[in-house]
Every structure is written in structure tokens, then in C-alpha cells.
C-alpha atoms as a PDB file:
ATOM      1  CA  UNK A   1     -32.801  50.748 -64.304  1.00  0.00           C
ATOM      2  CA  UNK A   2     -31.841  49.280 -67.722  1.00  0.00           C
ATOM      3  CA  UNK A   3     -31.985  45.521 -68.155  1.00  0.00           C
ATOM      4  CA  UNK A   4     -28.541  43.837 -68.433  1.00  0.00           C
ATOM      5  CA  UNK A   5     -27.860  40.905 -70.717  1.00  0.00           C
ATOM      6  CA  UNK A   6     -26.865  37.580 -69.163  1.00  0.00           C
ATOM      7  CA  UNK A   7     -23.474  37.719 -70.914  1.00  0.00           C
ATOM      8  CA  UNK A   8     -22.711  41.160 -69.499  1.00  0.00           C
ATOM      9  CA  UNK A   9     -23.796  40.113 -66.021  1.00  0.00           C
ATOM     10  CA  UNK A  10     -21.665  36.955 -66.230  1.00  0.00           C
ATOM     11  CA  UNK A  11     -18.664  38.970 -67.465  1.00  0.00           C
ATOM     12  CA  UNK A  12     -18.969  41.504 -64.648  1.00  0.00           C
ATOM     13  CA  UNK A  13     -19.261  38.726 -62.075  1.00  0.00           C
ATOM     14  CA  UNK A  14     -16.216  36.933 -63.487  1.00  0.00           C
ATOM     15  CA  UNK A  15     -14.211  40.159 -63.539  1.00  0.00           C
ATOM     16  CA  UNK A  16     -15.147  40.764 -59.899  1.00  0.00           C
ATOM     17  CA  UNK A  17     -13.940  37.293 -58.894  1.00  0.00           C
ATOM     18  CA  UNK A  18     -10.652  37.765 -60.725  1.00  0.00           C
ATOM     19  CA  UNK A  19     -10.072  41.178 -59.154  1.00  0.00           C
ATOM     20  CA  UNK A  20     -10.874  39.808 -55.684  1.00  0.00           C
ATOM     21  CA  UNK A  21      -8.358  36.989 -56.060  1.00  0.00           C
ATOM     22  CA  UNK A  22      -5.650  39.381 -57.315  1.00  0.00           C
ATOM     23  CA  UNK A  23      -6.241  41.917 -54.548  1.00  0.00           C
ATOM     24  CA  UNK A  24      -6.377  39.300 -51.778  1.00  0.00           C
ATOM     25  CA  UNK A  25      -3.084  37.627 -52.747  1.00  0.00           C
ATOM     26  CA  UNK A  26      -0.204  38.343 -50.347  1.00  0.00           C
ATOM     27  CA  UNK A  27       2.560  40.585 -51.609  1.00  0.00           C
ATOM     28  CA  UNK A  28       5.475  38.139 -51.690  1.00  0.00           C
ATOM     29  CA  UNK A  29       8.531  38.039 -53.842  1.00  0.00           C
ATOM     30  CA  UNK A  30       7.988  36.207 -57.108  1.00  0.00           C
ATOM     31  CA  UNK A  31      10.991  33.906 -56.655  1.00  0.00           C
ATOM     32  CA  UNK A  32      10.392  30.257 -55.894  1.00  0.00           C
ATOM     33  CA  UNK A  33      12.192  29.043 -52.775  1.00  0.00           C
ATOM     34  CA  UNK A  34      14.247  25.841 -52.561  1.00  0.00           C
ATOM     35  CA  UNK A  35      14.794  24.331 -49.128  1.00  0.00           C
ATOM     36  CA  UNK A  36      18.043  22.823 -47.852  1.00  0.00           C
ATOM     37  CA  UNK A  37      18.948  21.159 -44.577  1.00  0.00           C
ATOM     38  CA  UNK A  38      22.252  22.289 -43.074  1.00  0.00           C
ATOM     39  CA  UNK A  39      23.682  19.772 -40.625  1.00  0.00           C
ATOM     40  CA  UNK A  40      26.302  20.695 -38.036  1.00  0.00           C
ATOM     41  CA  UNK A  41      27.916  18.732 -35.217  1.00  0.00           C
ATOM     42  CA  UNK A  42      25.379  20.236 -32.791  1.00  0.00           C
ATOM     43  CA  UNK A  43      22.107  20.494 -34.714  1.00  0.00           C
ATOM     44  CA  UNK A  44      20.430  20.979 -38.077  1.00  0.00           C
ATOM     45  CA  UNK A  45      18.335  23.729 -39.590  1.00  0.00           C
ATOM     46  CA  UNK A  46      16.283  24.154 -42.745  1.00  0.00           C
ATOM     47  CA  UNK A  47      17.149  27.152 -44.913  1.00  0.00           C
ATOM     48  CA  UNK A  48      15.476  28.625 -47.971  1.00  0.00           C
ATOM     49  CA  UNK A  49      17.167  30.072 -51.032  1.00  0.00           C
ATOM     50  CA  UNK A  50      15.340  31.916 -53.799  1.00  0.00           C
ATOM     51  CA  UNK A  51      15.884  31.205 -57.486  1.00  0.00           C
ATOM     52  CA  UNK A  52      17.878  34.453 -57.614  1.00  0.00           C
ATOM     53  CA  UNK A  53      20.120  33.220 -54.764  1.00  0.00           C
ATOM     54  CA  UNK A  54      20.571  29.836 -56.466  1.00  0.00           C
ATOM     55  CA  UNK A  55      21.516  31.514 -59.756  1.00  0.00           C
ATOM     56  CA  UNK A  56      24.746  32.568 -58.005  1.00  0.00           C
ATOM     57  CA  UNK A  57      25.440  28.983 -56.869  1.00  0.00           C
ATOM     58  CA  UNK A  58      27.567  26.645 -58.974  1.00  0.00           C
ATOM     59  CA  UNK A  59      25.303  23.740 -59.942  1.00  0.00           C
ATOM     60  CA  UNK A  60      22.255  25.262 -58.204  1.00  0.00           C
ATOM     61  CA  UNK A  61      22.037  22.293 -55.821  1.00  0.00           C
ATOM     62  CA  UNK A  62      23.137  21.273 -52.313  1.00  0.00           C
ATOM     63  CA  UNK A  63      26.718  20.702 -53.469  1.00  0.00           C
ATOM     64  CA  UNK A  64      26.818  24.180 -54.959  1.00  0.00           C
ATOM     65  CA  UNK A  65      25.463  25.695 -51.741  1.00  0.00           C
ATOM     66  CA  UNK A  66      28.155  23.855 -49.740  1.00  0.00           C
ATOM     67  CA  UNK A  67      30.842  25.087 -52.175  1.00  0.00           C
ATOM     68  CA  UNK A  68      29.620  28.682 -51.899  1.00  0.00           C
ATOM     69  CA  UNK A  69      29.594  28.465 -48.104  1.00  0.00           C
ATOM     70  CA  UNK A  70      33.137  27.052 -48.070  1.00  0.00           C
ATOM     71  CA  UNK A  71      34.364  29.707 -50.532  1.00  0.00           C
ATOM     72  CA  UNK A  72      32.794  32.657 -48.710  1.00  0.00           C
ATOM     73  CA  UNK A  73      33.333  31.342 -45.175  1.00  0.00           C
ATOM     74  CA  UNK A  74      29.869  32.490 -44.110  1.00  0.00           C
ATOM     75  CA  UNK A  75      26.418  33.110 -45.593  1.00  0.00           C
ATOM     76  CA  UNK A  76      23.389  35.048 -44.439  1.00  0.00           C
ATOM     77  CA  UNK A  77      20.252  33.014 -45.237  1.00  0.00           C
ATOM     78  CA  UNK A  78      16.625  32.638 -44.180  1.00  0.00           C
ATOM     79  CA  UNK A  79      15.845  29.862 -41.704  1.00  0.00           C
ATOM     80  CA  UNK A  80      12.556  28.085 -42.420  1.00  0.00           C
ATOM     81  CA  UNK A  81      10.190  26.449 -39.935  1.00  0.00           C
ATOM     82  CA  UNK A  82       6.748  24.848 -39.999  1.00  0.00           C
ATOM     83  CA  UNK A  83       3.876  27.064 -38.883  1.00  0.00           C
ATOM     84  CA  UNK A  84       0.095  27.181 -39.193  1.00  0.00           C
ATOM     85  CA  UNK A  85      -1.467  29.487 -41.751  1.00  0.00           C
ATOM     86  CA  UNK A  86      -4.539  31.571 -40.971  1.00  0.00           C
ATOM     87  CA  UNK A  87      -6.663  28.752 -42.436  1.00  0.00           C
ATOM     88  CA  UNK A  88      -5.015  26.208 -40.106  1.00  0.00           C
ATOM     89  CA  UNK A  89      -2.900  24.497 -42.775  1.00  0.00           C
ATOM     90  CA  UNK A  90       0.715  23.664 -42.001  1.00  0.00           C
ATOM     91  CA  UNK A  91       3.297  25.353 -44.227  1.00  0.00           C
ATOM     92  CA  UNK A  92       7.017  26.039 -44.375  1.00  0.00           C
ATOM     93  CA  UNK A  93       7.612  29.732 -43.705  1.00  0.00           C
ATOM     94  CA  UNK A  94      10.673  31.970 -43.329  1.00  0.00           C
ATOM     95  CA  UNK A  95      11.406  32.381 -39.620  1.00  0.00           C
ATOM     96  CA  UNK A  96      14.365  34.798 -39.520  1.00  0.00           C
ATOM     97  CA  UNK A  97      17.743  35.473 -41.085  1.00  0.00           C
ATOM     98  CA  UNK A  98      20.641  33.439 -39.729  1.00  0.00           C
ATOM     99  CA  UNK A  99      24.361  33.363 -40.384  1.00  0.00           C
ATOM    100  CA  UNK A 100      26.014  30.106 -41.421  1.00  0.00           C
ATOM    101  CA  UNK A 101      29.714  29.562 -40.762  1.00  0.00           C
ATOM    102  CA  UNK A 102      31.620  27.213 -43.045  1.00  0.00           C
ATOM    103  CA  UNK A 103      33.678  25.701 -40.217  1.00  0.00           C
ATOM    104  CA  UNK A 104      30.495  24.757 -38.292  1.00  0.00           C
ATOM    105  CA  UNK A 105      28.591  23.196 -41.209  1.00  0.00           C
ATOM    106  CA  UNK A 106      29.267  19.541 -41.917  1.00  0.00           C
ATOM    107  CA  UNK A 107      26.764  18.859 -44.666  1.00  0.00           C
ATOM    108  CA  UNK A 108      24.171  20.568 -46.880  1.00  0.00           C
ATOM    109  CA  UNK A 109      21.421  18.465 -48.447  1.00  0.00           C
ATOM    110  CA  UNK A 110      18.167  19.128 -50.302  1.00  0.00           C
ATOM    111  CA  UNK A 111      15.100  19.232 -48.059  1.00  0.00           C
ATOM    112  CA  UNK A 112      11.846  17.848 -49.450  1.00  0.00           C
ATOM    113  CA  UNK A 113       8.565  18.758 -47.782  1.00  0.00           C
ATOM    114  CA  UNK A 114       4.936  17.931 -48.583  1.00  0.00           C
ATOM    115  CA  UNK A 115       3.965  21.331 -47.161  1.00  0.00           C
ATOM    116  CA  UNK A 116       3.468  24.558 -49.057  1.00  0.00           C
ATOM    117  CA  UNK A 117       6.686  26.614 -49.048  1.00  0.00           C
ATOM    118  CA  UNK A 118       6.116  30.337 -48.617  1.00  0.00           C
ATOM    119  CA  UNK A 119       8.353  32.756 -50.505  1.00  0.00           C
ATOM    120  CA  UNK A 120      10.755  35.064 -48.740  1.00  0.00           C
ATOM    121  CA  UNK A 121       9.382  38.538 -48.060  1.00  0.00           C
ATOM    122  CA  UNK A 122      12.489  40.734 -48.000  1.00  0.00           C
ATOM    123  CA  UNK A 123      10.505  43.603 -46.457  1.00  0.00           C
ATOM    124  CA  UNK A 124      10.470  41.645 -43.161  1.00  0.00           C
ATOM    125  CA  UNK A 125      14.265  41.639 -42.650  1.00  0.00           C
END
């Protein structure tokens, strides 16, 4: 077997690490998700909107989301909830799609979380 140089061996090892990290990454949408809390007279939920969703919102903030909801009358969005990842870390993850009705929603506000926010995987509709 021919002798390999240290540089070649290092390069092959580095390439292997990079390939492993690329292959092991989950296949999620590339859009970042912003979380909002929607408060009604009965309860409150946390929803997630992608950058693409927010691009359609006037102002791209909670006020814009409230305006869009009022204008359309209803929205179909992803509800987010805290869950444990495979490694045991807590994270905000999409739970399921829900419908929001404008006449039931009293307030929309930004939702800050110290947890990792997972992107929406549209293949799990």
C-alpha cells in the first residue's frame, strides 16, 4: 500500500467530517421561522410563520399578522409547541396546522423563546 502524506490524510479526514455533517442534517425548509402568540378570549397558542409567509405581511411583525388575519378573516398556520429532541434538549417544534379566525383572535404579539426553533417541514402536512 502506498504511503500517504500527512496533508492528504488530513484533507481526506476533513472532507469526511464535512460530508458526514451535511448528510446527517435534517431535510427542513431553509426559511427561518418567527414565532407569534395569538391570544383569544378562551386561550392562547404559539404559531410559526416562515420568512416567505412574513414577506406577504405588511410590516412583517405582529401588527402585520393581525392586519392580515383581519383582512382575510381566517389563516391556516402552524401551531408550535415545546418538545424534547432526540438528544434530550427542549426545542420549539411545529405541532400541526391550525385555522385562526379573525373574530376569535383578540391579540397577536411576538413570542420570544430561549429554545431552538425548528423550521416548518411542509412535507408533514
